[in-house]
Amino acid sequence: MTGQIVPRSKQGKAMSGVIHEDFPARLRVAIKGKFTQQSLASEIGYSVSGVKKWFSGHTDPSWSAVVLIARTCGVSLDWLAGRELNEASKPEIDVETLSAVIREVALNASERQEVLSPQETAKWVSQLYRVSMRMK
């Protein structure tokens, strides 16, 4: 039943909830090369025994713990919780429009003899790209 949400009770029995059945496997991937079970527990402020139960699939962490784990391990919350983004749900980028917007932002800044920071450039490109896409 990969891809489905299969919550478990403290006894490992299915119950209504939101943690994905692959959570223990994803947790192992998330900490690989970064943490041990013990160091993860220390880093996020949970007991080692509690964290070990998450790894074994015996119990599920709270959502606040899942958020802490995702942030600490540098993985997305969606991925850690079992959500898979399929190709249809990913926004399609119009490369031609994006390229034109990037050129326009650079030309405009050059004409005004202005040096934009990477953050300012990204902000302008993002805003103009959205407007350009709405006009199509």
N, C-alpha and C. Protein backbone atom coordinates (compact mmCIF):
# COMPACT_ATOMS: atom_id res chain seq x y z
N MET A 1 0.83 -1.19 0.00
CA MET A 1 0.00 0.00 0.00
C MET A 1 0.87 1.25 0.00
N THR A 2 1.96 1.25 -0.72
CA THR A 2 2.84 2.40 -0.79
C THR A 2 2.09 3.58 -1.37
N GLY A 3 2.33 4.76 -0.79
CA GLY A 3 1.69 5.97 -1.26
C GLY A 3 0.44 6.33 -0.49
N GLN A 4 -0.08 5.40 0.29
CA GLN A 4 -1.27 5.69 1.07
C GLN A 4 -0.88 6.05 2.49
N ILE A 5 -1.71 6.83 3.12
CA ILE A 5 -1.49 7.17 4.52
C ILE A 5 -2.06 6.06 5.37
N VAL A 6 -1.19 5.45 6.17
CA VAL A 6 -1.62 4.36 7.03
C VAL A 6 -1.16 4.68 8.44
N PRO A 7 -1.99 5.37 9.20
CA PRO A 7 -1.63 5.72 10.57
C PRO A 7 -1.65 4.52 11.49
N ARG A 8 -0.89 4.64 12.58
CA ARG A 8 -0.81 3.54 13.54
C ARG A 8 -1.08 4.06 14.96
N SER A 9 -1.58 3.18 15.79
CA SER A 9 -1.74 3.51 17.20
C SER A 9 -0.44 3.19 17.91
N LYS A 10 -0.38 3.41 19.20
CA LYS A 10 0.82 3.10 19.96
C LYS A 10 1.15 1.62 19.92
N GLN A 11 0.16 0.79 19.67
CA GLN A 11 0.39 -0.64 19.60
C GLN A 11 0.72 -1.08 18.18
N GLY A 12 0.85 -0.14 17.25
CA GLY A 12 1.17 -0.47 15.88
C GLY A 12 -0.04 -0.82 15.02
N LYS A 13 -1.24 -0.65 15.56
CA LYS A 13 -2.45 -0.96 14.82
C LYS A 13 -2.89 0.27 14.03
N ALA A 14 -3.54 0.03 12.87
CA ALA A 14 -4.01 1.14 12.05
C ALA A 14 -5.05 1.95 12.81
N MET A 15 -4.98 3.27 12.66
CA MET A 15 -5.95 4.18 13.27
C MET A 15 -6.08 5.40 12.38
N SER A 16 -6.99 6.29 12.66
CA SER A 16 -7.13 7.47 11.81
C SER A 16 -6.09 8.51 12.21
N GLY A 17 -5.35 9.02 11.23
CA GLY A 17 -4.29 10.00 11.45
C GLY A 17 -3.67 10.37 10.13
N VAL A 18 -2.44 10.90 10.18
CA VAL A 18 -1.89 11.42 8.95
C VAL A 18 -0.44 11.06 8.66
N ILE A 19 0.20 10.23 9.46
CA ILE A 19 1.59 9.87 9.19
C ILE A 19 1.62 8.74 8.16
N HIS A 20 2.49 8.87 7.19
CA HIS A 20 2.62 7.92 6.08
C HIS A 20 3.27 6.62 6.55
N GLU A 21 2.88 5.54 5.95
CA GLU A 21 3.42 4.23 6.33
C GLU A 21 4.93 4.13 6.11
N ASP A 22 5.48 4.92 5.21
CA ASP A 22 6.91 4.89 4.93
C ASP A 22 7.71 5.86 5.81
N PHE A 23 7.07 6.43 6.81
CA PHE A 23 7.76 7.42 7.64
C PHE A 23 9.06 6.90 8.23
N PRO A 24 9.11 5.71 8.83
CA PRO A 24 10.39 5.25 9.39
C PRO A 24 11.51 5.18 8.35
N ALA A 25 11.19 4.73 7.15
CA ALA A 25 12.20 4.64 6.09
C ALA A 25 12.64 6.04 5.66
N ARG A 26 11.70 6.95 5.56
CA ARG A 26 12.05 8.31 5.17
C ARG A 26 12.86 8.99 6.28
N LEU A 27 12.54 8.68 7.51
CA LEU A 27 13.29 9.23 8.64
C LEU A 27 14.75 8.77 8.58
N ARG A 28 14.95 7.50 8.24
CA ARG A 28 16.33 6.98 8.10
C ARG A 28 17.09 7.72 7.01
N VAL A 29 16.43 7.95 5.89
CA VAL A 29 17.06 8.68 4.78
C VAL A 29 17.38 10.11 5.21
N ALA A 30 16.45 10.74 5.91
CA ALA A 30 16.62 12.14 6.32
C ALA A 30 17.82 12.34 7.23
N ILE A 31 18.10 11.37 8.10
CA ILE A 31 19.21 11.57 9.06
C ILE A 31 20.54 11.02 8.55
N LYS A 32 20.50 10.25 7.46
CA LYS A 32 21.71 9.58 6.99
C LYS A 32 22.87 10.57 6.79
N GLY A 33 23.96 10.27 7.46
CA GLY A 33 25.16 11.09 7.35
C GLY A 33 25.11 12.38 8.16
N LYS A 34 24.00 12.64 8.82
CA LYS A 34 23.85 13.87 9.59
C LYS A 34 23.72 13.61 11.08
N PHE A 35 22.90 12.63 11.41
CA PHE A 35 22.58 12.35 12.81
C PHE A 35 22.50 10.85 13.05
N THR A 36 22.64 10.50 14.30
CA THR A 36 22.27 9.16 14.76
C THR A 36 20.90 9.34 15.40
N GLN A 37 20.27 8.25 15.79
CA GLN A 37 18.99 8.38 16.49
C GLN A 37 19.17 9.18 17.77
N GLN A 38 20.27 8.92 18.46
CA GLN A 38 20.54 9.62 19.72
C GLN A 38 20.79 11.11 19.50
N SER A 39 21.61 11.44 18.49
CA SER A 39 21.92 12.86 18.28
C SER A 39 20.70 13.62 17.74
N LEU A 40 19.85 12.94 16.95
CA LEU A 40 18.62 13.58 16.49
C LEU A 40 17.72 13.89 17.69
N ALA A 41 17.58 12.92 18.58
CA ALA A 41 16.75 13.13 19.78
C ALA A 41 17.25 14.33 20.57
N SER A 42 18.54 14.42 20.76
CA SER A 42 19.13 15.54 21.49
C SER A 42 18.88 16.86 20.77
N GLU A 43 19.06 16.85 19.46
CA GLU A 43 18.92 18.07 18.65
C GLU A 43 17.50 18.62 18.68
N ILE A 44 16.50 17.73 18.63
CA ILE A 44 15.11 18.20 18.58
C ILE A 44 14.42 18.22 19.94
N GLY A 45 15.13 17.76 20.97
CA GLY A 45 14.59 17.84 22.33
C GLY A 45 13.59 16.76 22.69
N TYR A 46 13.75 15.58 22.11
CA TYR A 46 12.88 14.45 22.44
C TYR A 46 13.71 13.34 23.06
N SER A 47 13.05 12.42 23.74
CA SER A 47 13.78 11.31 24.37
C SER A 47 14.28 10.34 23.31
N VAL A 48 15.39 9.71 23.59
CA VAL A 48 15.96 8.72 22.68
C VAL A 48 14.99 7.57 22.51
N SER A 49 14.35 7.14 23.60
CA SER A 49 13.41 6.00 23.49
C SER A 49 12.23 6.36 22.60
N GLY A 50 11.75 7.59 22.69
CA GLY A 50 10.64 8.03 21.82
C GLY A 50 11.05 8.05 20.36
N VAL A 51 12.23 8.58 20.09
CA VAL A 51 12.73 8.64 18.71
C VAL A 51 12.93 7.23 18.16
N LYS A 52 13.45 6.32 18.98
CA LYS A 52 13.65 4.94 18.53
C LYS A 52 12.31 4.30 18.15
N LYS A 53 11.25 4.65 18.84
CA LYS A 53 9.92 4.12 18.51
C LYS A 53 9.44 4.64 17.16
N TRP A 54 9.81 5.88 16.82
CA TRP A 54 9.46 6.41 15.50
C TRP A 54 10.19 5.63 14.41
N PHE A 55 11.48 5.34 14.67
CA PHE A 55 12.28 4.62 13.68
C PHE A 55 11.78 3.19 13.49
N SER A 56 11.28 2.59 14.55
CA SER A 56 10.78 1.22 14.45
C SER A 56 9.36 1.17 13.89
N GLY A 57 8.70 2.32 13.84
CA GLY A 57 7.32 2.35 13.37
C GLY A 57 6.32 1.99 14.44
N HIS A 58 6.81 1.88 15.68
CA HIS A 58 5.92 1.52 16.79
C HIS A 58 4.97 2.65 17.17
N THR A 59 5.46 3.88 17.11
CA THR A 59 4.60 5.04 17.34
C THR A 59 4.92 6.10 16.30
N ASP A 60 4.02 7.02 16.14
CA ASP A 60 4.21 8.14 15.22
C ASP A 60 4.50 9.41 16.01
N PRO A 61 5.35 10.27 15.47
CA PRO A 61 5.62 11.54 16.15
C PRO A 61 4.44 12.49 15.99
N SER A 62 4.41 13.49 16.84
CA SER A 62 3.40 14.55 16.69
C SER A 62 3.78 15.38 15.46
N TRP A 63 2.83 16.18 14.97
CA TRP A 63 3.15 17.03 13.83
C TRP A 63 4.23 18.03 14.18
N SER A 64 4.24 18.51 15.42
CA SER A 64 5.29 19.46 15.79
C SER A 64 6.66 18.80 15.74
N ALA A 65 6.73 17.52 16.09
CA ALA A 65 7.99 16.78 16.00
C ALA A 65 8.38 16.56 14.54
N VAL A 66 7.41 16.26 13.68
CA VAL A 66 7.70 16.07 12.26
C VAL A 66 8.26 17.36 11.66
N VAL A 67 7.69 18.49 12.04
CA VAL A 67 8.18 19.78 11.56
C VAL A 67 9.61 20.00 12.02
N LEU A 68 9.89 19.74 13.29
CA LEU A 68 11.26 19.87 13.82
C LEU A 68 12.24 18.96 13.08
N ILE A 69 11.83 17.74 12.83
CA ILE A 69 12.69 16.79 12.14
C ILE A 69 13.00 17.29 10.72
N ALA A 70 11.97 17.73 10.02
CA ALA A 70 12.16 18.21 8.65
C ALA A 70 13.12 19.40 8.63
N ARG A 71 12.91 20.35 9.52
CA ARG A 71 13.80 21.53 9.57
C ARG A 71 15.22 21.13 9.94
N THR A 72 15.36 20.29 10.94
CA THR A 72 16.67 19.89 11.43
C THR A 72 17.44 19.10 10.38
N CYS A 73 16.75 18.24 9.65
CA CYS A 73 17.41 17.38 8.67
C CYS A 73 17.49 18.00 7.28
N GLY A 74 16.83 19.13 7.10
CA GLY A 74 16.89 19.80 5.80
C GLY A 74 16.11 19.09 4.71
N VAL A 75 14.99 18.49 5.07
CA VAL A 75 14.12 17.85 4.08
C VAL A 75 12.76 18.54 4.11
N SER A 76 11.99 18.36 3.05
CA SER A 76 10.68 19.01 3.03
C SER A 76 9.70 18.25 3.93
N LEU A 77 8.81 19.00 4.50
CA LEU A 77 7.77 18.42 5.35
C LEU A 77 6.88 17.50 4.52
N ASP A 78 6.56 17.92 3.30
CA ASP A 78 5.73 17.08 2.42
C ASP A 78 6.38 15.73 2.19
N TRP A 79 7.67 15.73 1.87
CA TRP A 79 8.36 14.47 1.60
C TRP A 79 8.40 13.59 2.86
N LEU A 80 8.78 14.18 3.97
CA LEU A 80 8.91 13.42 5.21
C LEU A 80 7.58 12.80 5.63
N ALA A 81 6.50 13.53 5.41
CA ALA A 81 5.18 13.04 5.80
C ALA A 81 4.57 12.09 4.77
N GLY A 82 5.28 11.87 3.65
CA GLY A 82 4.82 10.88 2.69
C GLY A 82 4.15 11.41 1.45
N ARG A 83 4.10 12.71 1.31
CA ARG A 83 3.45 13.26 0.12
C ARG A 83 4.41 13.20 -1.05
N GLU A 84 3.95 12.65 -2.14
CA GLU A 84 4.73 12.58 -3.36
C GLU A 84 4.12 13.55 -4.36
N LEU A 85 4.93 14.39 -4.94
CA LEU A 85 4.44 15.29 -5.97
C LEU A 85 4.56 14.59 -7.31
N ASN A 86 3.44 14.40 -7.98
CA ASN A 86 3.51 13.79 -9.30
C ASN A 86 3.74 14.89 -10.33
N GLU A 87 4.09 14.49 -11.52
CA GLU A 87 4.42 15.46 -12.57
C GLU A 87 3.26 16.40 -12.85
N ALA A 88 2.03 15.91 -12.79
CA ALA A 88 0.88 16.74 -13.10
C ALA A 88 0.68 17.86 -12.10
N SER A 89 1.13 17.68 -10.86
CA SER A 89 0.91 18.72 -9.86
C SER A 89 2.03 19.76 -9.83
N LYS A 90 3.12 19.51 -10.57
CA LYS A 90 4.21 20.46 -10.59
C LYS A 90 3.89 21.57 -11.60
N PRO A 91 4.11 22.81 -11.21
CA PRO A 91 3.84 23.88 -12.16
C PRO A 91 4.83 23.82 -13.32
N GLU A 92 4.33 24.04 -14.51
CA GLU A 92 5.20 24.03 -15.68
C GLU A 92 5.77 25.43 -15.87
N ILE A 93 7.07 25.50 -16.07
CA ILE A 93 7.73 26.79 -16.25
C ILE A 93 7.87 27.05 -17.74
N ASP A 94 7.45 28.23 -18.16
CA ASP A 94 7.62 28.66 -19.54
C ASP A 94 9.01 29.26 -19.65
N VAL A 95 9.95 28.47 -20.13
CA VAL A 95 11.36 28.87 -20.17
C VAL A 95 11.55 30.11 -21.04
N GLU A 96 10.85 30.18 -22.15
CA GLU A 96 10.97 31.33 -23.05
C GLU A 96 10.54 32.62 -22.34
N THR A 97 9.41 32.58 -21.65
CA THR A 97 8.94 33.75 -20.93
C THR A 97 9.88 34.11 -19.79
N LEU A 98 10.35 33.10 -19.07
CA LEU A 98 11.27 33.35 -17.96
C LEU A 98 12.56 33.99 -18.46
N SER A 99 13.09 33.49 -19.56
CA SER A 99 14.31 34.06 -20.13
C SER A 99 14.10 35.51 -20.54
N ALA A 100 12.96 35.79 -21.16
CA ALA A 100 12.65 37.16 -21.58
C ALA A 100 12.53 38.08 -20.37
N VAL A 101 11.92 37.61 -19.30
CA VAL A 101 11.78 38.41 -18.08
C VAL A 101 13.15 38.69 -17.46
N ILE A 102 14.00 37.69 -17.41
CA ILE A 102 15.35 37.88 -16.85
C ILE A 102 16.11 38.93 -17.66
N ARG A 103 16.03 38.82 -18.99
CA ARG A 103 16.70 39.82 -19.84
C ARG A 103 16.13 41.22 -19.59
N GLU A 104 14.81 41.31 -19.47
CA GLU A 104 14.16 42.62 -19.25
C GLU A 104 14.59 43.25 -17.92
N VAL A 105 14.66 42.45 -16.88
CA VAL A 105 15.08 42.96 -15.57
C VAL A 105 16.53 43.46 -15.66
N ALA A 106 17.40 42.67 -16.28
CA ALA A 106 18.81 43.06 -16.41
C ALA A 106 18.94 44.32 -17.25
N LEU A 107 18.22 44.42 -18.37
CA LEU A 107 18.28 45.59 -19.24
C LEU A 107 17.77 46.84 -18.52
N ASN A 108 16.66 46.68 -17.81
CA ASN A 108 16.08 47.81 -17.08
C ASN A 108 17.05 48.33 -16.02
N ALA A 109 17.68 47.44 -15.29
CA ALA A 109 18.63 47.84 -14.26
C ALA A 109 19.84 48.52 -14.90
N SER A 110 20.28 47.99 -16.01
CA SER A 110 21.44 48.56 -16.72
C SER A 110 21.13 49.96 -17.22
N GLU A 111 19.94 50.14 -17.79
CA GLU A 111 19.54 51.45 -18.30
C GLU A 111 19.47 52.49 -17.19
N ARG A 112 19.11 52.06 -16.01
CA ARG A 112 19.03 52.98 -14.86
C ARG A 112 20.35 53.04 -14.11
N GLN A 113 21.35 52.32 -14.62
CA GLN A 113 22.67 52.23 -13.99
C GLN A 113 22.54 51.83 -12.51
N GLU A 114 21.74 50.81 -12.33
CA GLU A 114 21.44 50.31 -10.99
C GLU A 114 22.00 48.89 -10.85
N VAL A 115 22.58 48.59 -9.71
CA VAL A 115 23.06 47.25 -9.43
C VAL A 115 22.09 46.61 -8.44
N LEU A 116 21.43 45.55 -8.90
CA LEU A 116 20.46 44.86 -8.05
C LEU A 116 21.15 43.71 -7.33
N SER A 117 20.79 43.52 -6.06
CA SER A 117 21.29 42.36 -5.32
C SER A 117 20.62 41.12 -5.88
N PRO A 118 21.16 39.94 -5.62
CA PRO A 118 20.50 38.72 -6.09
C PRO A 118 19.06 38.60 -5.57
N GLN A 119 18.83 39.05 -4.32
CA GLN A 119 17.48 38.98 -3.75
C GLN A 119 16.53 39.94 -4.48
N GLU A 120 17.00 41.14 -4.80
CA GLU A 120 16.17 42.10 -5.53
C GLU A 120 15.88 41.59 -6.94
N THR A 121 16.90 41.04 -7.58
CA THR A 121 16.72 40.49 -8.92
C THR A 121 15.69 39.38 -8.91
N ALA A 122 15.81 38.46 -7.95
CA ALA A 122 14.86 37.35 -7.85
C ALA A 122 13.45 37.86 -7.61
N LYS A 123 13.31 38.86 -6.78
CA LYS A 123 11.99 39.44 -6.49
C LYS A 123 11.36 40.01 -7.76
N TRP A 124 12.13 40.80 -8.51
CA TRP A 124 11.62 41.41 -9.74
C TRP A 124 11.30 40.35 -10.79
N VAL A 125 12.19 39.40 -10.96
CA VAL A 125 11.95 38.34 -11.95
C VAL A 125 10.69 37.56 -11.59
N SER A 126 10.55 37.21 -10.32
CA SER A 126 9.38 36.45 -9.88
C SER A 126 8.09 37.22 -10.14
N GLN A 127 8.08 38.49 -9.76
CA GLN A 127 6.86 39.29 -9.94
C GLN A 127 6.53 39.48 -11.41
N LEU A 128 7.53 39.82 -12.22
CA LEU A 128 7.27 40.05 -13.64
C LEU A 128 6.90 38.75 -14.36
N TYR A 129 7.48 37.64 -13.94
CA TYR A 129 7.13 36.37 -14.56
C TYR A 129 5.66 36.04 -14.29
N ARG A 130 5.22 36.23 -13.05
CA ARG A 130 3.82 35.97 -12.71
C ARG A 130 2.87 36.83 -13.54
N VAL A 131 3.20 38.11 -13.65
CA VAL A 131 2.37 39.03 -14.45
C VAL A 131 2.37 38.59 -15.91
N SER A 132 3.52 38.25 -16.45
CA SER A 132 3.63 37.82 -17.85
C SER A 132 2.80 36.57 -18.10
N MET A 133 2.82 35.64 -17.16
CA MET A 133 2.07 34.40 -17.32
C MET A 133 0.57 34.65 -17.26
N ARG A 134 0.14 35.59 -16.44
CA ARG A 134 -1.30 35.92 -16.36
C ARG A 134 -1.80 36.55 -17.65
N MET A 135 -0.90 37.28 -18.31
CA MET A 135 -1.29 37.99 -19.54
C MET A 135 -1.37 37.05 -20.73
N LYS A 136 -0.82 35.86 -20.62
CA LYS A 136 -0.84 34.90 -21.75
C LYS A 136 -2.19 34.29 -21.91
